[in-house]
Structures are given as C-alpha cells and as structure tokens.
Amino acid sequence: MKGLIEEIVKVLVDHPEEVQVQEVAGEQSIVYEIKVEQSDIGKVIGKQGKTANAIRALIRAASAKNGKNAVINIIS
C-alpha cells in the first residue's frame, strides 16, 4: 500500500525525490503520512481537496480488503 501511495504522489509533484511516505499501523487502522516539498503541497491536495480525496478513496478501497481503515495525512 505504501508503494502505491508513493507512486501516485510522485507522478503529481515537481520534486518526486522529496516524496516520503511513513506508515503507522494500529490495531484497527493504518495512518499514512505523506511528506512533500512545500511547493508541491497544492498539487497533492488539488482544487478544493479533490486530488487528496481521490487518493484517500483509492487507499480506503484497497485497504478494505485487509479489514483495516486507512487514513492519509499530507504534511510538508
């Protein structure tokens, strides 16, 4: 899942080498923290958060197979 998130985000940003994804697993959920360069934050979030919501929807659907909730946090 972490690799999928990295590939999606790297395509969106101008500085793909700066993309970092950390996975924090809990009992019932997994939190993915996406770190990108400050200038790329807007590209990952998108207009009115549509890009970020699309990424979240994809990851939630993929993680449902494992029976865990997935949460995505975008930080710089």
C-alpha atoms as a PDB file:
ATOM      1  CA  MET A   1       0.000   0.000   0.000  1.00  0.00           C
ATOM      2  CA  LYS A   2       2.846   2.342   0.874  1.00  0.00           C
ATOM      3  CA  GLY A   3       4.399   1.809  -2.558  1.00  0.00           C
ATOM      4  CA  LEU A   4       1.101   2.568  -4.272  1.00  0.00           C
ATOM      5  CA  ILE A   5       0.795   5.869  -2.420  1.00  0.00           C
ATOM      6  CA  GLU A   6       4.386   6.821  -3.269  1.00  0.00           C
ATOM      7  CA  GLU A   7       3.866   6.114  -6.983  1.00  0.00           C
ATOM      8  CA  ILE A   8       0.638   8.123  -7.129  1.00  0.00           C
ATOM      9  CA  VAL A   9       2.124  11.134  -5.350  1.00  0.00           C
ATOM     10  CA  LYS A  10       5.417  11.088  -7.282  1.00  0.00           C
ATOM     11  CA  VAL A  11       3.521  11.467 -10.558  1.00  0.00           C
ATOM     12  CA  LEU A  12       1.712  14.551  -9.231  1.00  0.00           C
ATOM     13  CA  VAL A  13       4.636  16.591  -7.865  1.00  0.00           C
ATOM     14  CA  ASP A  14       7.533  18.543  -9.401  1.00  0.00           C
ATOM     15  CA  HIS A  15      10.078  17.119  -6.929  1.00  0.00           C
ATOM     16  CA  PRO A  16       9.414  13.356  -6.784  1.00  0.00           C
ATOM     17  CA  GLU A  17      12.706  12.711  -4.993  1.00  0.00           C
ATOM     18  CA  GLU A  18      11.365  14.607  -1.958  1.00  0.00           C
ATOM     19  CA  VAL A  19       8.286  12.381  -1.511  1.00  0.00           C
ATOM     20  CA  GLN A  20       8.309  10.312   1.682  1.00  0.00           C
ATOM     21  CA  VAL A  21       5.547   8.059   2.941  1.00  0.00           C
ATOM     22  CA  GLN A  22       5.523   6.737   6.503  1.00  0.00           C
ATOM     23  CA  GLU A  23       3.196   4.007   7.667  1.00  0.00           C
ATOM     24  CA  VAL A  24       1.987   3.888  11.278  1.00  0.00           C
ATOM     25  CA  ALA A  25      -0.017   0.744  11.958  1.00  0.00           C
ATOM     26  CA  GLY A  26      -2.537   0.402  14.751  1.00  0.00           C
ATOM     27  CA  GLU A  27      -4.886  -2.413  15.664  1.00  0.00           C
ATOM     28  CA  GLN A  28      -7.806  -1.271  13.532  1.00  0.00           C
ATOM     29  CA  SER A  29      -6.321   1.405  11.300  1.00  0.00           C
ATOM     30  CA  ILE A  30      -3.209   2.378   9.392  1.00  0.00           C
ATOM     31  CA  VAL A  31      -2.082   6.002   9.120  1.00  0.00           C
ATOM     32  CA  TYR A  32      -0.040   7.029   6.096  1.00  0.00           C
ATOM     33  CA  GLU A  33       1.850  10.300   6.413  1.00  0.00           C
ATOM     34  CA  ILE A  34       2.835  11.836   3.089  1.00  0.00           C
ATOM     35  CA  LYS A  35       5.665  14.368   3.207  1.00  0.00           C
ATOM     36  CA  VAL A  36       6.318  16.508   0.140  1.00  0.00           C
ATOM     37  CA  GLU A  37       8.196  19.710  -0.560  1.00  0.00           C
ATOM     38  CA  GLN A  38       6.328  22.868   0.455  1.00  0.00           C
ATOM     39  CA  SER A  39       5.866  23.985  -3.159  1.00  0.00           C
ATOM     40  CA  ASP A  40       4.183  20.658  -4.053  1.00  0.00           C
ATOM     41  CA  ILE A  41       1.531  20.663  -1.320  1.00  0.00           C
ATOM     42  CA  GLY A  42      -1.052  22.324  -3.561  1.00  0.00           C
ATOM     43  CA  LYS A  43      -0.565  19.738  -6.284  1.00  0.00           C
ATOM     44  CA  VAL A  44      -1.175  16.854  -3.883  1.00  0.00           C
ATOM     45  CA  ILE A  45      -4.220  18.486  -2.298  1.00  0.00           C
ATOM     46  CA  GLY A  46      -5.730  19.782  -5.559  1.00  0.00           C
ATOM     47  CA  LYS A  47      -8.533  22.274  -6.073  1.00  0.00           C
ATOM     48  CA  GLN A  48     -10.934  22.134  -3.152  1.00  0.00           C
ATOM     49  CA  GLY A  49      -9.139  18.982  -1.950  1.00  0.00           C
ATOM     50  CA  LYS A  50     -10.348  16.845  -4.843  1.00  0.00           C
ATOM     51  CA  THR A  51      -6.988  15.203  -5.547  1.00  0.00           C
ATOM     52  CA  ALA A  52      -6.408  14.390  -1.874  1.00  0.00           C
ATOM     53  CA  ASN A  53      -9.935  12.996  -1.563  1.00  0.00           C
ATOM     54  CA  ALA A  54      -9.396  10.819  -4.643  1.00  0.00           C
ATOM     55  CA  ILE A  55      -6.167   9.415  -3.176  1.00  0.00           C
ATOM     56  CA  ARG A  56      -7.946   8.759   0.120  1.00  0.00           C
ATOM     57  CA  ALA A  57     -10.799   6.961  -1.658  1.00  0.00           C
ATOM     58  CA  LEU A  58      -8.391   4.705  -3.556  1.00  0.00           C
ATOM     59  CA  ILE A  59      -6.446   3.797  -0.447  1.00  0.00           C
ATOM     60  CA  ARG A  60      -9.598   3.211   1.626  1.00  0.00           C
ATOM     61  CA  ALA A  61     -10.941   0.863  -1.054  1.00  0.00           C
ATOM     62  CA  ALA A  62      -7.647  -1.028  -1.294  1.00  0.00           C
ATOM     63  CA  SER A  63      -7.275  -1.334   2.490  1.00  0.00           C
ATOM     64  CA  ALA A  64     -10.840  -2.609   2.935  1.00  0.00           C
ATOM     65  CA  LYS A  65      -9.610  -5.993   1.716  1.00  0.00           C
ATOM     66  CA  ASN A  66      -7.395  -6.191   4.798  1.00  0.00           C
ATOM     67  CA  GLY A  67     -10.207  -5.228   7.148  1.00  0.00           C
ATOM     68  CA  LYS A  68      -8.440  -2.082   8.361  1.00  0.00           C
ATOM     69  CA  ASN A  69      -9.220   1.591   7.966  1.00  0.00           C
ATOM     70  CA  ALA A  70      -6.661   3.742   6.167  1.00  0.00           C
ATOM     71  CA  VAL A  71      -6.051   7.389   6.983  1.00  0.00           C
ATOM     72  CA  ILE A  72      -3.936   9.714   4.842  1.00  0.00           C
ATOM     73  CA  ASN A  73      -2.249  12.821   6.265  1.00  0.00           C
ATOM     74  CA  ILE A  74      -0.422  15.231   3.964  1.00  0.00           C
ATOM     75  CA  ILE A  75       2.337  17.217   5.644  1.00  0.00           C
ATOM     76  CA  SER A  76       5.240  19.344   4.489  1.00  0.00           C
END
